Structures are given as structure tokens and as C-alpha cells.
Amino acid sequence: MQKPFITNQFMQFYNRQMEVNQAIIYGYGLLDYIDYVADTLQPEVGDMGLDLTLNYPLIRRALTRCLSYLDRTDTTLTEQDFAIFSAFLLREFRDLEQLIDDEFDEYGF
């Protein structure tokens, strides 16, 4: 992948080593990027492919939950919730990067 999901910046986000405002900005940028990837691949894989192959809805949900914790729009979320959602993202982004490298390299992500 030319622009991977798992970067030093993602690992800082994952490990909570960013200031909150910086993490929020980074998280929304990551959300935009995952939406872009999904929009680009949707004609190729269809809605079912986005759900089953790319796991897009769950990735998007986990990322928005992380952001809800960081920006305090959902005060019921805890540090443990963030850890669970971000661990899920780490695993899914690794799988997604591999899938893109194997199957969708021509898109130049």
C-alpha cells in the first residue's frame, strides 16, 4: 500500500500517545480515508463486499466510537472501550492492508 493505515501516527493514536485534539483530528482524517477507500472499491465489490470482505461497517463503527470517546460526545464510553475499539482497528487495518495489497493494488491506495 502506498498510504497504509498502520503508520507511526496510527500507533500513537492506538497507544494514546497523542494529545486529545491531535488524536481527534487524526481520527477524522482516518475516517475520511477509510470512507474514500470504501467509496472507491464499492463499484468493484458491491455493498456486500464492503460488509463481508472489507469489514467496512464495523471498522467505521469502531473508529467513530473511538472518536466519541476522545471528543466526549458519548460520556458512557471508558478508556477500556477505547482500548477495545482501537485493538479491533489495529487487527482489521492489518487485514485490510494485506487484502488491498493482494487484490486491489491497482487502485494505488
N, C-alpha and C. Protein backbone atom coordinates (compact mmCIF):
# COMPACT_ATOMS: atom_id res chain seq x y z
N MET A 1 0.84 -1.19 0.00
CA MET A 1 0.00 0.00 0.00
C MET A 1 0.88 1.24 0.00
N GLN A 2 0.48 2.21 -0.81
CA GLN A 2 1.24 3.45 -0.85
C GLN A 2 0.95 4.32 0.38
N LYS A 3 -0.29 4.27 0.86
CA LYS A 3 -0.66 5.02 2.05
C LYS A 3 -1.32 4.05 3.04
N PRO A 4 -0.51 3.37 3.83
CA PRO A 4 -1.06 2.35 4.72
C PRO A 4 -1.89 2.95 5.85
N PHE A 5 -2.72 2.12 6.43
CA PHE A 5 -3.50 2.53 7.60
C PHE A 5 -2.65 2.50 8.87
N ILE A 6 -1.81 1.46 8.97
CA ILE A 6 -0.97 1.31 10.15
C ILE A 6 0.33 2.08 9.92
N THR A 7 0.42 3.22 10.58
CA THR A 7 1.58 4.10 10.49
C THR A 7 2.05 4.42 11.90
N ASN A 8 3.15 5.13 11.99
CA ASN A 8 3.60 5.60 13.31
C ASN A 8 2.52 6.45 13.97
N GLN A 9 1.86 7.27 13.16
CA GLN A 9 0.81 8.12 13.70
C GLN A 9 -0.36 7.28 14.21
N PHE A 10 -0.72 6.21 13.48
CA PHE A 10 -1.80 5.35 13.97
C PHE A 10 -1.39 4.70 15.28
N MET A 11 -0.15 4.26 15.38
CA MET A 11 0.30 3.62 16.62
C MET A 11 0.29 4.60 17.79
N GLN A 12 0.57 5.87 17.53
CA GLN A 12 0.46 6.88 18.58
C GLN A 12 -1.00 7.05 18.99
N PHE A 13 -1.90 7.05 18.02
CA PHE A 13 -3.34 7.12 18.29
C PHE A 13 -3.75 5.90 19.12
N TYR A 14 -3.36 4.72 18.66
CA TYR A 14 -3.69 3.45 19.31
C TYR A 14 -3.19 3.41 20.75
N ASN A 15 -1.97 3.86 20.97
CA ASN A 15 -1.36 3.83 22.30
C ASN A 15 -1.68 5.05 23.16
N ARG A 16 -2.54 5.93 22.63
CA ARG A 16 -2.93 7.16 23.33
C ARG A 16 -1.73 8.04 23.67
N GLN A 17 -0.83 8.16 22.71
CA GLN A 17 0.37 8.97 22.87
C GLN A 17 0.25 10.32 22.16
N MET A 18 -0.95 10.66 21.74
CA MET A 18 -1.22 11.95 21.11
C MET A 18 -2.03 12.81 22.07
N GLU A 19 -1.88 14.11 21.94
CA GLU A 19 -2.79 14.99 22.65
C GLU A 19 -4.19 14.73 22.11
N VAL A 20 -5.19 14.94 22.93
CA VAL A 20 -6.56 14.61 22.56
C VAL A 20 -6.98 15.33 21.28
N ASN A 21 -6.73 16.62 21.19
CA ASN A 21 -7.15 17.35 19.98
C ASN A 21 -6.46 16.83 18.74
N GLN A 22 -5.18 16.50 18.85
CA GLN A 22 -4.44 15.94 17.73
C GLN A 22 -5.00 14.58 17.36
N ALA A 23 -5.34 13.77 18.35
CA ALA A 23 -5.92 12.44 18.09
C ALA A 23 -7.27 12.56 17.40
N ILE A 24 -8.07 13.53 17.79
CA ILE A 24 -9.37 13.74 17.17
C ILE A 24 -9.20 14.13 15.70
N ILE A 25 -8.30 15.06 15.43
CA ILE A 25 -8.04 15.48 14.05
C ILE A 25 -7.53 14.30 13.23
N TYR A 26 -6.59 13.55 13.79
CA TYR A 26 -6.07 12.38 13.09
C TYR A 26 -7.18 11.36 12.83
N GLY A 27 -8.00 11.10 13.83
CA GLY A 27 -9.07 10.12 13.71
C GLY A 27 -10.07 10.48 12.64
N TYR A 28 -10.43 11.75 12.56
CA TYR A 28 -11.37 12.17 11.50
C TYR A 28 -10.72 12.09 10.12
N GLY A 29 -9.42 12.35 10.03
CA GLY A 29 -8.72 12.16 8.77
C GLY A 29 -8.69 10.70 8.36
N LEU A 30 -8.49 9.82 9.34
CA LEU A 30 -8.51 8.39 9.07
C LEU A 30 -9.91 7.93 8.65
N LEU A 31 -10.91 8.50 9.27
CA LEU A 31 -12.30 8.20 8.90
C LEU A 31 -12.56 8.61 7.45
N ASP A 32 -12.09 9.79 7.07
CA ASP A 32 -12.23 10.23 5.67
C ASP A 32 -11.52 9.28 4.72
N TYR A 33 -10.34 8.81 5.11
CA TYR A 33 -9.58 7.91 4.25
C TYR A 33 -10.27 6.56 4.09
N ILE A 34 -10.78 6.00 5.17
CA ILE A 34 -11.48 4.71 5.07
C ILE A 34 -12.76 4.86 4.24
N ASP A 35 -13.44 6.00 4.36
CA ASP A 35 -14.61 6.25 3.52
C ASP A 35 -14.22 6.34 2.04
N TYR A 36 -13.09 7.00 1.78
CA TYR A 36 -12.60 7.12 0.40
C TYR A 36 -12.28 5.74 -0.18
N VAL A 37 -11.60 4.91 0.59
CA VAL A 37 -11.27 3.57 0.14
C VAL A 37 -12.54 2.78 -0.15
N ALA A 38 -13.51 2.86 0.76
CA ALA A 38 -14.77 2.14 0.57
C ALA A 38 -15.52 2.66 -0.65
N ASP A 39 -15.58 3.97 -0.83
CA ASP A 39 -16.27 4.55 -1.99
C ASP A 39 -15.59 4.13 -3.30
N THR A 40 -14.27 4.05 -3.28
CA THR A 40 -13.53 3.67 -4.47
C THR A 40 -13.74 2.20 -4.82
N LEU A 41 -13.77 1.34 -3.79
CA LEU A 41 -13.89 -0.09 -4.04
C LEU A 41 -15.33 -0.58 -4.17
N GLN A 42 -16.29 0.21 -3.75
CA GLN A 42 -17.69 -0.21 -3.78
C GLN A 42 -18.14 -0.66 -5.16
N PRO A 43 -17.82 0.05 -6.26
CA PRO A 43 -18.25 -0.45 -7.58
C PRO A 43 -17.66 -1.82 -7.92
N GLU A 44 -16.48 -2.10 -7.40
CA GLU A 44 -15.81 -3.38 -7.68
C GLU A 44 -16.38 -4.52 -6.84
N VAL A 45 -16.63 -4.26 -5.54
CA VAL A 45 -17.01 -5.35 -4.64
C VAL A 45 -18.48 -5.31 -4.23
N GLY A 46 -19.15 -4.20 -4.47
CA GLY A 46 -20.55 -4.06 -4.09
C GLY A 46 -20.72 -3.86 -2.59
N ASP A 47 -21.94 -3.62 -2.18
CA ASP A 47 -22.23 -3.38 -0.77
C ASP A 47 -21.91 -4.60 0.09
N MET A 48 -22.23 -5.77 -0.43
CA MET A 48 -21.97 -6.99 0.33
C MET A 48 -20.46 -7.19 0.50
N GLY A 49 -19.70 -6.88 -0.51
CA GLY A 49 -18.25 -6.98 -0.42
C GLY A 49 -17.67 -6.03 0.61
N LEU A 50 -18.24 -4.82 0.67
CA LEU A 50 -17.79 -3.87 1.69
C LEU A 50 -18.06 -4.42 3.09
N ASP A 51 -19.21 -5.07 3.24
CA ASP A 51 -19.58 -5.63 4.54
C ASP A 51 -18.74 -6.85 4.89
N LEU A 52 -18.66 -7.78 3.96
CA LEU A 52 -18.05 -9.08 4.27
C LEU A 52 -16.54 -9.12 4.05
N THR A 53 -16.08 -8.55 2.97
CA THR A 53 -14.67 -8.66 2.63
C THR A 53 -13.84 -7.58 3.32
N LEU A 54 -14.29 -6.34 3.22
CA LEU A 54 -13.53 -5.23 3.79
C LEU A 54 -13.88 -4.96 5.24
N ASN A 55 -15.01 -5.48 5.70
CA ASN A 55 -15.48 -5.25 7.07
C ASN A 55 -15.67 -3.75 7.34
N TYR A 56 -16.00 -3.03 6.30
CA TYR A 56 -16.11 -1.57 6.37
C TYR A 56 -17.07 -1.06 7.45
N PRO A 57 -18.28 -1.57 7.55
CA PRO A 57 -19.19 -1.01 8.56
C PRO A 57 -18.66 -1.14 9.99
N LEU A 58 -18.02 -2.27 10.28
CA LEU A 58 -17.50 -2.46 11.64
C LEU A 58 -16.26 -1.61 11.90
N ILE A 59 -15.42 -1.48 10.89
CA ILE A 59 -14.25 -0.61 11.03
C ILE A 59 -14.70 0.82 11.26
N ARG A 60 -15.65 1.25 10.46
CA ARG A 60 -16.14 2.63 10.59
C ARG A 60 -16.78 2.85 11.96
N ARG A 61 -17.54 1.88 12.43
CA ARG A 61 -18.19 1.98 13.73
C ARG A 61 -17.16 2.05 14.86
N ALA A 62 -16.14 1.19 14.79
CA ALA A 62 -15.11 1.20 15.83
C ALA A 62 -14.37 2.53 15.86
N LEU A 63 -14.07 3.07 14.70
CA LEU A 63 -13.37 4.35 14.65
C LEU A 63 -14.24 5.48 15.17
N THR A 64 -15.51 5.49 14.81
CA THR A 64 -16.39 6.55 15.32
C THR A 64 -16.59 6.43 16.84
N ARG A 65 -16.56 5.22 17.36
CA ARG A 65 -16.67 5.04 18.81
C ARG A 65 -15.41 5.56 19.51
N CYS A 66 -14.24 5.32 18.91
CA CYS A 66 -13.00 5.89 19.46
C CYS A 66 -13.10 7.41 19.49
N LEU A 67 -13.59 7.98 18.40
CA LEU A 67 -13.71 9.44 18.33
C LEU A 67 -14.75 9.95 19.32
N SER A 68 -15.82 9.22 19.52
CA SER A 68 -16.84 9.62 20.51
C SER A 68 -16.26 9.63 21.92
N TYR A 69 -15.37 8.70 22.19
CA TYR A 69 -14.70 8.70 23.49
C TYR A 69 -13.78 9.91 23.60
N LEU A 70 -12.98 10.16 22.56
CA LEU A 70 -12.00 11.24 22.63
C LEU A 70 -12.65 12.62 22.71
N ASP A 71 -13.69 12.84 21.92
CA ASP A 71 -14.30 14.18 21.93
C ASP A 71 -15.43 14.30 22.95
N ARG A 72 -15.64 13.21 23.72
CA ARG A 72 -16.59 13.19 24.83
C ARG A 72 -18.04 13.39 24.38
N THR A 73 -18.35 13.03 23.14
CA THR A 73 -19.75 13.11 22.70
C THR A 73 -20.55 11.94 23.26
N ASP A 74 -19.87 10.90 23.73
CA ASP A 74 -20.53 9.80 24.43
C ASP A 74 -19.80 9.58 25.74
N THR A 75 -20.36 10.13 26.79
CA THR A 75 -19.69 10.09 28.09
C THR A 75 -19.81 8.73 28.77
N THR A 76 -20.53 7.79 28.16
CA THR A 76 -20.61 6.45 28.75
C THR A 76 -19.43 5.58 28.36
N LEU A 77 -18.68 6.01 27.34
CA LEU A 77 -17.52 5.24 26.90
C LEU A 77 -16.36 5.44 27.86
N THR A 78 -15.59 4.39 28.07
CA THR A 78 -14.47 4.43 29.01
C THR A 78 -13.15 4.22 28.26
N GLU A 79 -12.07 4.35 28.99
CA GLU A 79 -10.74 4.07 28.44
C GLU A 79 -10.67 2.62 27.93
N GLN A 80 -11.33 1.72 28.63
CA GLN A 80 -11.36 0.32 28.19
C GLN A 80 -12.09 0.17 26.86
N ASP A 81 -13.17 0.90 26.69
CA ASP A 81 -13.88 0.87 25.41
C ASP A 81 -12.95 1.33 24.29
N PHE A 82 -12.24 2.43 24.53
CA PHE A 82 -11.29 2.91 23.52
C PHE A 82 -10.27 1.83 23.21
N ALA A 83 -9.74 1.17 24.23
CA ALA A 83 -8.73 0.13 24.03
C ALA A 83 -9.30 -1.02 23.19
N ILE A 84 -10.52 -1.41 23.46
CA ILE A 84 -11.15 -2.50 22.71
C ILE A 84 -11.36 -2.10 21.25
N PHE A 85 -11.93 -0.92 21.04
CA PHE A 85 -12.20 -0.47 19.67
C PHE A 85 -10.90 -0.25 18.88
N SER A 86 -9.89 0.33 19.52
CA SER A 86 -8.64 0.59 18.81
C SER A 86 -7.89 -0.71 18.53
N ALA A 87 -7.98 -1.69 19.42
CA ALA A 87 -7.36 -3.00 19.16
C ALA A 87 -8.04 -3.68 17.97
N PHE A 88 -9.35 -3.56 17.90
CA PHE A 88 -10.09 -4.08 16.75
C PHE A 88 -9.61 -3.40 15.47
N LEU A 89 -9.45 -2.07 15.52
CA LEU A 89 -8.98 -1.33 14.34
C LEU A 89 -7.60 -1.80 13.91
N LEU A 90 -6.71 -2.00 14.86
CA LEU A 90 -5.36 -2.45 14.53
C LEU A 90 -5.41 -3.77 13.77
N ARG A 91 -6.17 -4.71 14.26
CA ARG A 91 -6.29 -6.02 13.60
C ARG A 91 -6.93 -5.88 12.22
N GLU A 92 -8.02 -5.14 12.16
CA GLU A 92 -8.73 -5.01 10.88
C GLU A 92 -7.92 -4.23 9.85
N PHE A 93 -7.22 -3.20 10.28
CA PHE A 93 -6.40 -2.43 9.33
C PHE A 93 -5.26 -3.28 8.79
N ARG A 94 -4.67 -4.14 9.61
CA ARG A 94 -3.63 -5.05 9.11
C ARG A 94 -4.21 -5.97 8.04
N ASP A 95 -5.36 -6.53 8.32
CA ASP A 95 -6.01 -7.42 7.34
C ASP A 95 -6.39 -6.66 6.08
N LEU A 96 -6.91 -5.46 6.25
CA LEU A 96 -7.33 -4.66 5.10
C LEU A 96 -6.13 -4.27 4.23
N GLU A 97 -5.03 -3.89 4.87
CA GLU A 97 -3.82 -3.57 4.10
C GLU A 97 -3.38 -4.76 3.26
N GLN A 98 -3.39 -5.95 3.86
CA GLN A 98 -2.98 -7.15 3.14
C GLN A 98 -3.94 -7.44 1.98
N LEU A 99 -5.22 -7.31 2.23
CA LEU A 99 -6.22 -7.53 1.18
C LEU A 99 -6.03 -6.56 0.03
N ILE A 100 -5.81 -5.30 0.34
CA ILE A 100 -5.61 -4.30 -0.71
C ILE A 100 -4.35 -4.61 -1.50
N ASP A 101 -3.27 -4.97 -0.80
CA ASP A 101 -2.02 -5.33 -1.49
C ASP A 101 -2.23 -6.52 -2.41
N ASP A 102 -3.00 -7.51 -1.96
CA ASP A 102 -3.20 -8.74 -2.73
C ASP A 102 -4.21 -8.59 -3.86
N GLU A 103 -5.28 -7.83 -3.63
CA GLU A 103 -6.40 -7.83 -4.56
C GLU A 103 -6.68 -6.49 -5.26
N PHE A 104 -6.29 -5.39 -4.65
CA PHE A 104 -6.69 -4.08 -5.17
C PHE A 104 -5.51 -3.12 -5.33
N ASP A 105 -4.34 -3.65 -5.57
CA ASP A 105 -3.15 -2.84 -5.66
C ASP A 105 -3.23 -1.81 -6.79
N GLU A 106 -3.98 -2.13 -7.83
CA GLU A 106 -4.07 -1.22 -8.97
C GLU A 106 -4.75 0.10 -8.65
N TYR A 107 -5.44 0.17 -7.51
CA TYR A 107 -6.11 1.43 -7.13
C TYR A 107 -5.16 2.43 -6.52
N GLY A 108 -3.96 2.00 -6.14
CA GLY A 108 -2.94 2.92 -5.67
C GLY A 108 -3.17 3.50 -4.29
N PHE A 109 -3.83 2.74 -3.43
CA PHE A 109 -4.05 3.24 -2.06
C PHE A 109 -2.75 3.22 -1.29
